[in-house]
Amino acid sequence: MNAAPLPHPGRRLARGAVAIAPLCLAVVPWGLLAGSYAVSAGLSPLEGQALSLILFAGAVQLVVIGMGQDGASLAAMLLATAFITARHLLYGLSLRDRVGTLPLRWRLPLGFLLTDELFAVCTRHDAPAFDRWYMLGAGLVFYLVWNLATLVGVVMGETLPGIEGLGLEFAVAATFIAIVVPNLIDRALWVAALSALVVAVLAAHLGLPGGLVLAALAGMGAGYVTEQVAP
């Protein structure tokens, strides 16, 4: 029996775009913050927009801009960038069975577009059901929305000084909550998430340096133990 033919690539692109649309809405305030923060830090509008066009990493953009304002060295900023984006190595390894067999002309753009949000959308499909056009559509739409939000943030940062003080950074937390919670599908994952949450809050309350690193280690350790011990 012959397999049913795949839909036209345009339809598969559209499916990916629709799948990631809710996360695009959640990340708009984050993009506004990134653009306005870049301008308020002294970057030109072109430089602020270039961060989103070339770097395309919201958390890194905010951290690097802040470090630049504090006079950090280039080496320190590169080290922070490597540390913050290290999770993308794990994302890539996780998607290797899906993307690894594709030609280089596919792997490069999909790798560039890979974000937390795109990973969350694409890991819903196992390897046989993986669709490169679906992933490309989701990634391109997210990239477009992020850059449009940054552009608006750049313009608002020039015309409305102080926009970065409106609490838009909560969009960062809201986005990651929207990504993580739907993927908590068993006991070990819930234990890992709750353990990391408790440690992160305690570290912040006590002013401990490296609190997020401690929280991540605590979450991974608790999740692993639960997975090994729980029936």
N, C-alpha and C. Protein backbone atom coordinates (compact mmCIF):
# COMPACT_ATOMS: atom_id res chain seq x y z
N MET A 1 0.85 -1.19 0.00
CA MET A 1 0.00 0.00 0.00
C MET A 1 0.89 1.24 0.00
N ASN A 2 0.67 2.16 -0.93
CA ASN A 2 1.50 3.36 -1.04
C ASN A 2 1.12 4.37 0.03
N ALA A 3 2.14 5.05 0.56
CA ALA A 3 1.89 6.09 1.56
C ALA A 3 1.21 7.29 0.93
N ALA A 4 0.37 7.96 1.69
CA ALA A 4 -0.32 9.14 1.18
C ALA A 4 0.69 10.24 0.89
N PRO A 5 0.53 10.94 -0.24
CA PRO A 5 1.48 12.01 -0.57
C PRO A 5 1.40 13.15 0.44
N LEU A 6 2.55 13.77 0.70
CA LEU A 6 2.59 14.89 1.64
C LEU A 6 1.90 16.10 1.03
N PRO A 7 1.30 16.94 1.87
CA PRO A 7 0.69 18.17 1.36
C PRO A 7 1.75 19.06 0.70
N HIS A 8 1.29 20.03 -0.06
CA HIS A 8 2.18 20.99 -0.72
C HIS A 8 3.04 21.69 0.33
N PRO A 9 4.32 21.98 0.02
CA PRO A 9 5.20 22.66 1.00
C PRO A 9 4.60 23.93 1.58
N GLY A 10 3.84 24.66 0.77
CA GLY A 10 3.23 25.89 1.28
C GLY A 10 2.26 25.62 2.42
N ARG A 11 1.50 24.54 2.33
CA ARG A 11 0.58 24.19 3.40
C ARG A 11 1.34 23.76 4.65
N ARG A 12 2.44 23.07 4.45
CA ARG A 12 3.23 22.62 5.60
C ARG A 12 3.90 23.82 6.29
N LEU A 13 4.36 24.79 5.49
CA LEU A 13 4.88 26.03 6.06
C LEU A 13 3.81 26.73 6.91
N ALA A 14 2.60 26.78 6.37
CA ALA A 14 1.51 27.45 7.06
C ALA A 14 1.17 26.75 8.37
N ARG A 15 1.21 25.42 8.37
CA ARG A 15 0.92 24.67 9.59
C ARG A 15 1.94 25.01 10.69
N GLY A 16 3.20 25.12 10.31
CA GLY A 16 4.21 25.50 11.28
C GLY A 16 3.99 26.91 11.80
N ALA A 17 3.60 27.81 10.91
CA ALA A 17 3.34 29.19 11.32
C ALA A 17 2.19 29.26 12.32
N VAL A 18 1.13 28.51 12.06
CA VAL A 18 -0.02 28.50 12.96
C VAL A 18 0.36 27.89 14.31
N ALA A 19 1.16 26.84 14.29
CA ALA A 19 1.53 26.15 15.53
C ALA A 19 2.30 27.06 16.48
N ILE A 20 3.14 27.93 15.94
CA ILE A 20 3.99 28.76 16.80
C ILE A 20 3.37 30.13 17.08
N ALA A 21 2.22 30.43 16.46
CA ALA A 21 1.60 31.74 16.61
C ALA A 21 1.37 32.15 18.06
N PRO A 22 0.84 31.27 18.95
CA PRO A 22 0.64 31.71 20.34
C PRO A 22 1.93 32.13 21.03
N LEU A 23 3.02 31.44 20.74
CA LEU A 23 4.30 31.81 21.34
C LEU A 23 4.84 33.10 20.73
N CYS A 24 4.48 33.38 19.50
CA CYS A 24 4.88 34.66 18.89
C CYS A 24 4.23 35.82 19.63
N LEU A 25 2.95 35.67 19.96
CA LEU A 25 2.25 36.73 20.69
C LEU A 25 2.89 36.95 22.06
N ALA A 26 3.28 35.85 22.70
CA ALA A 26 3.87 35.96 24.04
C ALA A 26 5.22 36.65 24.03
N VAL A 27 5.94 36.57 22.90
CA VAL A 27 7.30 37.11 22.87
C VAL A 27 7.35 38.56 22.38
N VAL A 28 6.22 39.11 21.93
CA VAL A 28 6.21 40.49 21.43
C VAL A 28 6.70 41.49 22.48
N PRO A 29 6.19 41.45 23.73
CA PRO A 29 6.71 42.41 24.73
C PRO A 29 8.20 42.26 24.96
N TRP A 30 8.71 41.04 24.86
CA TRP A 30 10.14 40.80 25.00
C TRP A 30 10.91 41.49 23.88
N GLY A 31 10.40 41.41 22.67
CA GLY A 31 11.04 42.09 21.55
C GLY A 31 11.01 43.60 21.70
N LEU A 32 9.88 44.12 22.19
CA LEU A 32 9.79 45.57 22.45
C LEU A 32 10.85 45.99 23.46
N LEU A 33 11.02 45.17 24.49
CA LEU A 33 12.02 45.48 25.52
C LEU A 33 13.42 45.45 24.94
N ALA A 34 13.71 44.44 24.11
CA ALA A 34 15.05 44.32 23.53
C ALA A 34 15.38 45.53 22.67
N GLY A 35 14.43 45.97 21.85
CA GLY A 35 14.68 47.12 21.00
C GLY A 35 14.85 48.41 21.76
N SER A 36 13.94 48.66 22.72
CA SER A 36 14.02 49.92 23.48
C SER A 36 15.24 49.93 24.39
N TYR A 37 15.59 48.78 24.94
CA TYR A 37 16.75 48.70 25.83
C TYR A 37 18.03 48.98 25.07
N ALA A 38 18.11 48.50 23.84
CA ALA A 38 19.31 48.74 23.02
C ALA A 38 19.50 50.23 22.77
N VAL A 39 18.41 50.92 22.45
CA VAL A 39 18.49 52.36 22.18
C VAL A 39 18.84 53.12 23.46
N SER A 40 18.21 52.75 24.57
CA SER A 40 18.47 53.45 25.83
C SER A 40 19.90 53.23 26.31
N ALA A 41 20.52 52.12 25.86
CA ALA A 41 21.90 51.83 26.25
C ALA A 41 22.92 52.57 25.39
N GLY A 42 22.44 53.30 24.39
CA GLY A 42 23.35 54.09 23.57
C GLY A 42 23.63 53.51 22.20
N LEU A 43 23.04 52.38 21.86
CA LEU A 43 23.23 51.82 20.52
C LEU A 43 22.40 52.61 19.52
N SER A 44 22.86 52.67 18.29
CA SER A 44 22.08 53.32 17.25
C SER A 44 20.90 52.42 16.89
N PRO A 45 19.85 52.96 16.27
CA PRO A 45 18.72 52.12 15.85
C PRO A 45 19.17 50.96 14.96
N LEU A 46 20.11 51.20 14.07
CA LEU A 46 20.60 50.15 13.19
C LEU A 46 21.30 49.06 13.98
N GLU A 47 22.11 49.45 14.96
CA GLU A 47 22.81 48.47 15.79
C GLU A 47 21.82 47.66 16.63
N GLY A 48 20.82 48.35 17.18
CA GLY A 48 19.82 47.66 17.98
C GLY A 48 19.05 46.63 17.17
N GLN A 49 18.70 47.00 15.93
CA GLN A 49 17.98 46.07 15.07
C GLN A 49 18.88 44.94 14.60
N ALA A 50 20.15 45.25 14.37
CA ALA A 50 21.09 44.23 13.90
C ALA A 50 21.27 43.11 14.93
N LEU A 51 21.16 43.44 16.20
CA LEU A 51 21.26 42.40 17.23
C LEU A 51 20.19 41.33 17.02
N SER A 52 18.98 41.78 16.69
CA SER A 52 17.90 40.81 16.47
C SER A 52 18.03 40.11 15.13
N LEU A 53 18.50 40.82 14.12
CA LEU A 53 18.64 40.22 12.79
C LEU A 53 19.75 39.18 12.73
N ILE A 54 20.86 39.47 13.42
CA ILE A 54 22.05 38.61 13.29
C ILE A 54 22.18 37.66 14.48
N LEU A 55 22.04 38.20 15.70
CA LEU A 55 22.22 37.37 16.89
C LEU A 55 20.99 36.52 17.16
N PHE A 56 19.80 37.14 17.11
CA PHE A 56 18.53 36.43 17.24
C PHE A 56 18.50 35.57 18.50
N ALA A 57 18.75 36.20 19.63
CA ALA A 57 18.74 35.48 20.92
C ALA A 57 18.36 36.48 22.00
N GLY A 58 17.08 36.50 22.37
CA GLY A 58 16.58 37.54 23.25
C GLY A 58 17.31 37.67 24.57
N ALA A 59 17.49 36.56 25.28
CA ALA A 59 18.15 36.63 26.58
C ALA A 59 19.58 37.13 26.43
N VAL A 60 20.27 36.64 25.42
CA VAL A 60 21.66 37.06 25.19
C VAL A 60 21.72 38.55 24.87
N GLN A 61 20.80 39.03 24.04
CA GLN A 61 20.80 40.44 23.67
C GLN A 61 20.68 41.33 24.91
N LEU A 62 19.75 41.01 25.79
CA LEU A 62 19.56 41.82 26.99
C LEU A 62 20.77 41.76 27.91
N VAL A 63 21.34 40.57 28.08
CA VAL A 63 22.49 40.41 28.96
C VAL A 63 23.71 41.14 28.41
N VAL A 64 23.97 40.98 27.11
CA VAL A 64 25.14 41.60 26.50
C VAL A 64 25.04 43.13 26.54
N ILE A 65 23.84 43.65 26.27
CA ILE A 65 23.67 45.09 26.33
C ILE A 65 23.93 45.60 27.75
N GLY A 66 23.41 44.90 28.73
CA GLY A 66 23.64 45.29 30.12
C GLY A 66 25.10 45.21 30.50
N MET A 67 25.78 44.16 30.06
CA MET A 67 27.20 44.02 30.36
C MET A 67 28.00 45.13 29.69
N GLY A 68 27.59 45.50 28.48
CA GLY A 68 28.28 46.59 27.78
C GLY A 68 28.14 47.90 28.53
N GLN A 69 26.95 48.14 29.08
CA GLN A 69 26.74 49.35 29.86
C GLN A 69 27.61 49.37 31.11
N ASP A 70 27.88 48.19 31.67
CA ASP A 70 28.69 48.10 32.88
C ASP A 70 30.19 48.06 32.59
N GLY A 71 30.55 48.15 31.30
CA GLY A 71 31.96 48.18 30.93
C GLY A 71 32.63 46.82 30.88
N ALA A 72 31.86 45.75 30.72
CA ALA A 72 32.45 44.41 30.67
C ALA A 72 33.30 44.25 29.41
N SER A 73 34.28 43.37 29.48
CA SER A 73 35.16 43.13 28.35
C SER A 73 34.46 42.26 27.32
N LEU A 74 35.01 42.26 26.10
CA LEU A 74 34.46 41.43 25.03
C LEU A 74 34.54 39.96 25.42
N ALA A 75 35.64 39.56 26.05
CA ALA A 75 35.79 38.16 26.46
C ALA A 75 34.71 37.75 27.44
N ALA A 76 34.38 38.65 28.38
CA ALA A 76 33.34 38.34 29.36
C ALA A 76 31.98 38.22 28.68
N MET A 77 31.72 39.08 27.71
CA MET A 77 30.44 39.02 27.01
C MET A 77 30.33 37.75 26.17
N LEU A 78 31.45 37.35 25.53
CA LEU A 78 31.44 36.12 24.74
C LEU A 78 31.24 34.90 25.64
N LEU A 79 31.85 34.92 26.82
CA LEU A 79 31.70 33.81 27.75
C LEU A 79 30.26 33.72 28.24
N ALA A 80 29.66 34.85 28.55
CA ALA A 80 28.27 34.86 28.99
C ALA A 80 27.35 34.37 27.88
N THR A 81 27.64 34.79 26.65
CA THR A 81 26.85 34.33 25.51
C THR A 81 26.93 32.82 25.34
N ALA A 82 28.14 32.28 25.45
CA ALA A 82 28.33 30.84 25.31
C ALA A 82 27.58 30.08 26.41
N PHE A 83 27.61 30.62 27.62
CA PHE A 83 26.95 29.94 28.73
C PHE A 83 25.44 29.96 28.57
N ILE A 84 24.89 31.12 28.21
CA ILE A 84 23.44 31.27 28.09
C ILE A 84 22.89 30.40 26.95
N THR A 85 23.63 30.33 25.86
CA THR A 85 23.14 29.60 24.69
C THR A 85 23.58 28.13 24.67
N ALA A 86 24.22 27.67 25.73
CA ALA A 86 24.69 26.28 25.75
C ALA A 86 23.54 25.29 25.60
N ARG A 87 22.36 25.68 26.05
CA ARG A 87 21.22 24.77 25.95
C ARG A 87 20.88 24.44 24.50
N HIS A 88 21.26 25.33 23.56
CA HIS A 88 20.98 25.05 22.16
C HIS A 88 21.78 23.86 21.65
N LEU A 89 22.91 23.59 22.27
CA LEU A 89 23.66 22.38 21.91
C LEU A 89 22.82 21.15 22.25
N LEU A 90 22.16 21.18 23.41
CA LEU A 90 21.30 20.07 23.79
C LEU A 90 20.09 19.98 22.86
N TYR A 91 19.55 21.12 22.48
CA TYR A 91 18.44 21.11 21.52
C TYR A 91 18.87 20.44 20.21
N GLY A 92 20.05 20.83 19.73
CA GLY A 92 20.54 20.27 18.48
C GLY A 92 20.74 18.77 18.58
N LEU A 93 21.29 18.32 19.70
CA LEU A 93 21.50 16.88 19.88
C LEU A 93 20.16 16.15 19.93
N SER A 94 19.18 16.76 20.56
CA SER A 94 17.87 16.14 20.67
C SER A 94 17.19 16.02 19.30
N LEU A 95 17.44 16.99 18.42
CA LEU A 95 16.82 17.00 17.10
C LEU A 95 17.67 16.31 16.03
N ARG A 96 18.78 15.74 16.44
CA ARG A 96 19.72 15.18 15.47
C ARG A 96 19.10 14.07 14.64
N ASP A 97 18.28 13.23 15.26
CA ASP A 97 17.68 12.13 14.50
C ASP A 97 16.66 12.63 13.49
N ARG A 98 16.19 13.88 13.64
CA ARG A 98 15.24 14.45 12.70
C ARG A 98 15.91 15.29 11.62
N VAL A 99 16.92 16.07 12.04
CA VAL A 99 17.53 17.05 11.13
C VAL A 99 18.86 16.56 10.57
N GLY A 100 19.51 15.64 11.27
CA GLY A 100 20.88 15.24 10.90
C GLY A 100 21.03 14.68 9.51
N THR A 101 19.98 14.10 8.95
CA THR A 101 20.08 13.51 7.61
C THR A 101 19.76 14.49 6.50
N LEU A 102 19.36 15.71 6.86
CA LEU A 102 19.01 16.70 5.84
C LEU A 102 20.27 17.28 5.20
N PRO A 103 20.18 17.79 3.97
CA PRO A 103 21.33 18.45 3.34
C PRO A 103 21.75 19.70 4.13
N LEU A 104 22.99 20.12 3.93
CA LEU A 104 23.52 21.28 4.65
C LEU A 104 22.68 22.52 4.39
N ARG A 105 22.13 22.67 3.21
CA ARG A 105 21.31 23.85 2.89
C ARG A 105 20.06 23.93 3.75
N TRP A 106 19.66 22.82 4.34
CA TRP A 106 18.54 22.80 5.28
C TRP A 106 19.03 22.93 6.72
N ARG A 107 20.10 22.24 7.05
CA ARG A 107 20.56 22.24 8.44
C ARG A 107 20.99 23.63 8.90
N LEU A 108 21.64 24.39 8.04
CA LEU A 108 22.12 25.72 8.44
C LEU A 108 20.98 26.68 8.78
N PRO A 109 19.98 26.86 7.90
CA PRO A 109 18.90 27.78 8.29
C PRO A 109 18.07 27.28 9.45
N LEU A 110 17.83 25.98 9.53
CA LEU A 110 17.06 25.46 10.66
C LEU A 110 17.84 25.62 11.96
N GLY A 111 19.16 25.46 11.91
CA GLY A 111 19.98 25.68 13.09
C GLY A 111 19.97 27.13 13.52
N PHE A 112 20.02 28.05 12.57
CA PHE A 112 19.98 29.48 12.90
C PHE A 112 18.65 29.86 13.53
N LEU A 113 17.56 29.28 13.03
CA LEU A 113 16.22 29.63 13.51
C LEU A 113 15.85 28.94 14.81
N LEU A 114 16.67 27.99 15.27
CA LEU A 114 16.33 27.21 16.45
C LEU A 114 16.31 28.06 17.71
N THR A 115 15.17 28.11 18.34
CA THR A 115 14.97 28.84 19.60
C THR A 115 14.27 27.91 20.59
N ASP A 116 14.11 28.37 21.81
CA ASP A 116 13.36 27.59 22.79
C ASP A 116 11.95 27.29 22.27
N GLU A 117 11.34 28.31 21.67
CA GLU A 117 9.97 28.17 21.20
C GLU A 117 9.88 27.19 20.03
N LEU A 118 10.81 27.29 19.09
CA LEU A 118 10.79 26.39 17.95
C LEU A 118 11.06 24.95 18.38
N PHE A 119 11.96 24.78 19.33
CA PHE A 119 12.24 23.45 19.85
C PHE A 119 10.99 22.85 20.50
N ALA A 120 10.28 23.67 21.27
CA ALA A 120 9.07 23.18 21.94
C ALA A 120 8.02 22.74 20.93
N VAL A 121 7.89 23.48 19.83
CA VAL A 121 6.90 23.14 18.81
C VAL A 121 7.29 21.88 18.05
N CYS A 122 8.56 21.75 17.73
CA CYS A 122 8.99 20.65 16.86
C CYS A 122 9.18 19.33 17.59
N THR A 123 9.43 19.36 18.88
CA THR A 123 9.62 18.11 19.60
C THR A 123 8.30 17.41 19.91
N ARG A 124 7.19 18.00 19.51
CA ARG A 124 5.92 17.31 19.63
C ARG A 124 5.80 16.18 18.61
N HIS A 125 6.65 16.21 17.60
CA HIS A 125 6.60 15.21 16.55
C HIS A 125 7.78 14.26 16.69
N ASP A 126 7.53 12.96 16.59
CA ASP A 126 8.64 12.02 16.61
C ASP A 126 9.33 12.05 15.25
N ALA A 127 10.46 11.34 15.15
CA ALA A 127 11.27 11.41 13.94
C ALA A 127 10.51 11.08 12.66
N PRO A 128 9.71 10.00 12.62
CA PRO A 128 9.00 9.69 11.37
C PRO A 128 8.02 10.78 10.94
N ALA A 129 7.46 11.51 11.91
CA ALA A 129 6.46 12.53 11.59
C ALA A 129 7.09 13.91 11.40
N PHE A 130 8.40 14.02 11.57
CA PHE A 130 9.06 15.32 11.46
C PHE A 130 8.96 15.86 10.04
N ASP A 131 8.70 17.16 9.92
CA ASP A 131 8.53 17.81 8.62
C ASP A 131 9.42 19.04 8.56
N ARG A 132 10.40 19.05 7.68
CA ARG A 132 11.32 20.18 7.57
C ARG A 132 10.59 21.48 7.21
N TRP A 133 9.57 21.37 6.36
CA TRP A 133 8.85 22.57 5.95
C TRP A 133 8.04 23.14 7.12
N TYR A 134 7.50 22.29 7.94
CA TYR A 134 6.77 22.71 9.14
C TYR A 134 7.71 23.48 10.06
N MET A 135 8.90 22.94 10.30
CA MET A 135 9.87 23.59 11.16
C MET A 135 10.33 24.91 10.56
N LEU A 136 10.55 24.94 9.25
CA LEU A 136 10.98 26.17 8.59
C LEU A 136 9.91 27.25 8.70
N GLY A 137 8.64 26.86 8.47
CA GLY A 137 7.56 27.84 8.57
C GLY A 137 7.44 28.43 9.95
N ALA A 138 7.54 27.57 10.98
CA ALA A 138 7.45 28.05 12.36
C ALA A 138 8.63 28.96 12.68
N GLY A 139 9.82 28.56 12.27
CA GLY A 139 11.01 29.35 12.57
C GLY A 139 11.02 30.69 11.88
N LEU A 140 10.62 30.73 10.62
CA LEU A 140 10.62 31.99 9.87
C LEU A 140 9.60 32.97 10.44
N VAL A 141 8.43 32.48 10.80
CA VAL A 141 7.41 33.37 11.36
C VAL A 141 7.88 33.94 12.70
N PHE A 142 8.48 33.09 13.53
CA PHE A 142 8.96 33.57 14.82
C PHE A 142 10.07 34.61 14.63
N TYR A 143 10.96 34.36 13.68
CA TYR A 143 12.05 35.31 13.38
C TYR A 143 11.48 36.64 12.91
N LEU A 144 10.46 36.59 12.05
CA LEU A 144 9.86 37.82 11.54
C LEU A 144 9.18 38.60 12.66
N VAL A 145 8.40 37.92 13.50
CA VAL A 145 7.70 38.59 14.59
C VAL A 145 8.70 39.20 15.57
N TRP A 146 9.75 38.46 15.89
CA TRP A 146 10.76 38.96 16.82
C TRP A 146 11.40 40.24 16.29
N ASN A 147 11.73 40.26 15.02
CA ASN A 147 12.39 41.44 14.45
C ASN A 147 11.43 42.62 14.29
N LEU A 148 10.17 42.34 13.98
CA LEU A 148 9.19 43.42 13.92
C LEU A 148 8.97 44.03 15.31
N ALA A 149 8.90 43.17 16.32
CA ALA A 149 8.74 43.66 17.69
C ALA A 149 9.95 44.49 18.11
N THR A 150 11.14 44.02 17.73
CA THR A 150 12.35 44.78 18.05
C THR A 150 12.34 46.15 17.37
N LEU A 151 11.91 46.18 16.10
CA LEU A 151 11.84 47.44 15.35
C LEU A 151 10.90 48.42 16.04
N VAL A 152 9.74 47.94 16.47
CA VAL A 152 8.81 48.81 17.19
C VAL A 152 9.43 49.28 18.50
N GLY A 153 10.15 48.38 19.17
CA GLY A 153 10.82 48.75 20.41
C GLY A 153 11.89 49.81 20.19
N VAL A 154 12.63 49.70 19.09
CA VAL A 154 13.64 50.70 18.76
C VAL A 154 12.99 52.06 18.55
N VAL A 155 11.90 52.08 17.79
CA VAL A 155 11.20 53.35 17.53
C VAL A 155 10.63 53.93 18.82
N MET A 156 10.02 53.07 19.63
CA MET A 156 9.45 53.54 20.90
C MET A 156 10.54 53.98 21.86
N GLY A 157 11.69 53.31 21.82
CA GLY A 157 12.80 53.69 22.69
C GLY A 157 13.32 55.08 22.37
N GLU A 158 13.20 55.48 21.08
CA GLU A 158 13.64 56.81 20.68
C GLU A 158 12.61 57.88 21.02
N THR A 159 11.33 57.52 20.93
CA THR A 159 10.27 58.52 21.11
C THR A 159 9.68 58.53 22.52
N LEU A 160 9.78 57.37 23.22
CA LEU A 160 9.21 57.26 24.57
C LEU A 160 10.29 56.77 25.54
N PRO A 161 11.19 57.62 25.98
CA PRO A 161 12.24 57.20 26.90
C PRO A 161 11.66 56.60 28.18
N GLY A 162 12.33 55.56 28.66
CA GLY A 162 11.88 54.93 29.90
C GLY A 162 10.94 53.77 29.70
N ILE A 163 10.70 53.36 28.45
CA ILE A 163 9.78 52.25 28.20
C ILE A 163 10.28 50.96 28.84
N GLU A 164 11.62 50.84 28.99
CA GLU A 164 12.16 49.61 29.58
C GLU A 164 11.80 49.47 31.05
N GLY A 165 11.22 50.53 31.64
CA GLY A 165 10.82 50.47 33.03
C GLY A 165 9.35 50.10 33.22
N LEU A 166 8.67 49.69 32.17
CA LEU A 166 7.25 49.38 32.25
C LEU A 166 6.96 47.95 32.65
N GLY A 167 8.00 47.17 32.94
CA GLY A 167 7.77 45.79 33.37
C GLY A 167 7.60 44.80 32.23
N LEU A 168 8.04 45.17 31.03
CA LEU A 168 7.90 44.26 29.89
C LEU A 168 8.73 43.00 30.05
N GLU A 169 9.74 43.05 30.95
CA GLU A 169 10.59 41.87 31.11
C GLU A 169 9.81 40.66 31.65
N PHE A 170 8.59 40.90 32.17
CA PHE A 170 7.78 39.76 32.61
C PHE A 170 7.45 38.85 31.45
N ALA A 171 7.49 39.39 30.22
CA ALA A 171 7.22 38.56 29.05
C ALA A 171 8.21 37.41 28.95
N VAL A 172 9.43 37.62 29.45
CA VAL A 172 10.43 36.55 29.43
C VAL A 172 9.94 35.37 30.25
N ALA A 173 9.50 35.65 31.49
CA ALA A 173 8.99 34.58 32.35
C ALA A 173 7.74 33.96 31.78
N ALA A 174 6.83 34.78 31.25
CA ALA A 174 5.58 34.26 30.71
C ALA A 174 5.83 33.33 29.53
N THR A 175 6.79 33.69 28.68
CA THR A 175 7.10 32.86 27.52
C THR A 175 7.62 31.50 27.95
N PHE A 176 8.55 31.48 28.90
CA PHE A 176 9.11 30.20 29.31
C PHE A 176 8.09 29.35 30.09
N ILE A 177 7.19 30.00 30.80
CA ILE A 177 6.12 29.24 31.46
C ILE A 177 5.25 28.56 30.40
N ALA A 178 4.93 29.31 29.33
CA ALA A 178 4.11 28.74 28.25
C ALA A 178 4.81 27.59 27.54
N ILE A 179 6.14 27.62 27.52
CA ILE A 179 6.90 26.54 26.87
C ILE A 179 6.99 25.32 27.77
N VAL A 180 7.30 25.56 29.05
CA VAL A 180 7.63 24.45 29.96
C VAL A 180 6.40 23.68 30.41
N VAL A 181 5.36 24.38 30.87
CA VAL A 181 4.24 23.71 31.52
C VAL A 181 3.58 22.64 30.65
N PRO A 182 3.30 22.88 29.36
CA PRO A 182 2.67 21.82 28.56
C PRO A 182 3.53 20.57 28.40
N ASN A 183 4.84 20.69 28.65
CA ASN A 183 5.73 19.54 28.49
C ASN A 183 5.96 18.78 29.79
N LEU A 184 5.30 19.19 30.88
CA LEU A 184 5.43 18.47 32.15
C LEU A 184 4.42 17.33 32.13
N ILE A 185 4.84 16.21 31.57
CA ILE A 185 3.90 15.11 31.30
C ILE A 185 4.08 13.92 32.23
N ASP A 186 5.08 13.94 33.12
CA ASP A 186 5.21 12.83 34.07
C ASP A 186 5.76 13.34 35.40
N ARG A 187 5.86 12.45 36.38
CA ARG A 187 6.25 12.83 37.73
C ARG A 187 7.67 13.41 37.78
N ALA A 188 8.59 12.79 37.07
CA ALA A 188 9.97 13.25 37.11
C ALA A 188 10.11 14.68 36.60
N LEU A 189 9.39 15.01 35.54
CA LEU A 189 9.46 16.36 34.99
C LEU A 189 8.85 17.38 35.96
N TRP A 190 7.76 17.02 36.60
CA TRP A 190 7.16 17.93 37.58
C TRP A 190 8.10 18.15 38.77
N VAL A 191 8.71 17.08 39.25
CA VAL A 191 9.65 17.21 40.36
C VAL A 191 10.83 18.09 39.96
N ALA A 192 11.36 17.89 38.75
CA ALA A 192 12.48 18.69 38.27
C ALA A 192 12.11 20.17 38.20
N ALA A 193 10.94 20.47 37.63
CA ALA A 193 10.51 21.86 37.47
C ALA A 193 10.27 22.52 38.83
N LEU A 194 9.59 21.83 39.74
CA LEU A 194 9.29 22.42 41.04
C LEU A 194 10.56 22.58 41.89
N SER A 195 11.47 21.63 41.79
CA SER A 195 12.73 21.75 42.53
C SER A 195 13.53 22.94 42.05
N ALA A 196 13.61 23.10 40.72
CA ALA A 196 14.34 24.24 40.16
C ALA A 196 13.68 25.55 40.57
N LEU A 197 12.35 25.57 40.57
CA LEU A 197 11.62 26.79 40.96
C LEU A 197 11.94 27.17 42.39
N VAL A 198 11.88 26.21 43.30
CA VAL A 198 12.12 26.49 44.73
C VAL A 198 13.55 27.00 44.94
N VAL A 199 14.52 26.33 44.33
CA VAL A 199 15.91 26.74 44.51
C VAL A 199 16.15 28.12 43.91
N ALA A 200 15.56 28.40 42.75
CA ALA A 200 15.74 29.71 42.11
C ALA A 200 15.18 30.83 42.99
N VAL A 201 13.98 30.60 43.56
CA VAL A 201 13.37 31.62 44.41
C VAL A 201 14.20 31.82 45.68
N LEU A 202 14.65 30.73 46.30
CA LEU A 202 15.46 30.85 47.51
C LEU A 202 16.79 31.56 47.21
N ALA A 203 17.42 31.22 46.10
CA ALA A 203 18.69 31.84 45.74
C ALA A 203 18.52 33.34 45.52
N ALA A 204 17.42 33.71 44.86
CA ALA A 204 17.16 35.13 44.63
C ALA A 204 16.89 35.85 45.95
N HIS A 205 16.13 35.22 46.83
CA HIS A 205 15.81 35.83 48.13
C HIS A 205 17.06 36.01 48.98
N LEU A 206 17.98 35.04 48.91
CA LEU A 206 19.20 35.10 49.72
C LEU A 206 20.33 35.86 49.03
N GLY A 207 20.10 36.24 47.76
CA GLY A 207 21.13 36.98 47.02
C GLY A 207 22.33 36.13 46.65
N LEU A 208 22.12 34.84 46.45
CA LEU A 208 23.23 33.96 46.10
C LEU A 208 23.64 34.15 44.65
N PRO A 209 24.93 34.28 44.37
CA PRO A 209 25.37 34.38 42.98
C PRO A 209 25.19 33.04 42.27
N GLY A 210 24.90 33.10 40.98
CA GLY A 210 24.73 31.87 40.22
C GLY A 210 23.50 31.08 40.62
N GLY A 211 22.45 31.78 41.05
CA GLY A 211 21.25 31.10 41.51
C GLY A 211 20.58 30.27 40.43
N LEU A 212 20.56 30.78 39.20
CA LEU A 212 19.92 30.04 38.12
C LEU A 212 20.68 28.75 37.80
N VAL A 213 22.00 28.81 37.90
CA VAL A 213 22.81 27.61 37.67
C VAL A 213 22.50 26.58 38.75
N LEU A 214 22.45 27.03 40.01
CA LEU A 214 22.12 26.12 41.11
C LEU A 214 20.73 25.52 40.92
N ALA A 215 19.78 26.35 40.47
CA ALA A 215 18.42 25.86 40.26
C ALA A 215 18.38 24.80 39.16
N ALA A 216 19.12 25.06 38.09
CA ALA A 216 19.15 24.09 36.98
C ALA A 216 19.75 22.76 37.44
N LEU A 217 20.85 22.82 38.19
CA LEU A 217 21.47 21.60 38.69
C LEU A 217 20.55 20.85 39.65
N ALA A 218 19.86 21.61 40.51
CA ALA A 218 18.94 20.99 41.46
C ALA A 218 17.79 20.32 40.73
N GLY A 219 17.26 20.99 39.73
CA GLY A 219 16.16 20.42 38.96
C GLY A 219 16.56 19.15 38.23
N MET A 220 17.72 19.17 37.59
CA MET A 220 18.18 17.98 36.88
C MET A 220 18.44 16.83 37.84
N GLY A 221 19.05 17.15 38.98
CA GLY A 221 19.34 16.10 39.96
C GLY A 221 18.07 15.49 40.53
N ALA A 222 17.10 16.34 40.88
CA ALA A 222 15.85 15.85 41.45
C ALA A 222 15.06 15.04 40.43
N GLY A 223 15.05 15.50 39.20
CA GLY A 223 14.34 14.76 38.15
C GLY A 223 14.96 13.41 37.89
N TYR A 224 16.29 13.37 37.87
CA TYR A 224 16.98 12.09 37.63
C TYR A 224 16.71 11.10 38.75
N VAL A 225 16.82 11.57 40.00
CA VAL A 225 16.57 10.68 41.14
C VAL A 225 15.14 10.16 41.12
N THR A 226 14.19 11.04 40.84
CA THR A 226 12.79 10.63 40.78
C THR A 226 12.57 9.57 39.70
N GLU A 227 13.19 9.78 38.55
CA GLU A 227 13.04 8.84 37.45
C GLU A 227 13.62 7.47 37.79
N GLN A 228 14.69 7.46 38.56
CA GLN A 228 15.33 6.20 38.91
C GLN A 228 14.62 5.48 40.07
N VAL A 229 14.04 6.25 40.99
CA VAL A 229 13.47 5.66 42.19
C VAL A 229 11.98 5.38 42.05
N ALA A 230 11.26 6.28 41.41
CA ALA A 230 9.80 6.14 41.33
C ALA A 230 9.43 4.88 40.55
N PRO A 231 8.37 4.18 40.97
CA PRO A 231 7.94 2.96 40.27
C PRO A 231 7.35 3.30 38.91
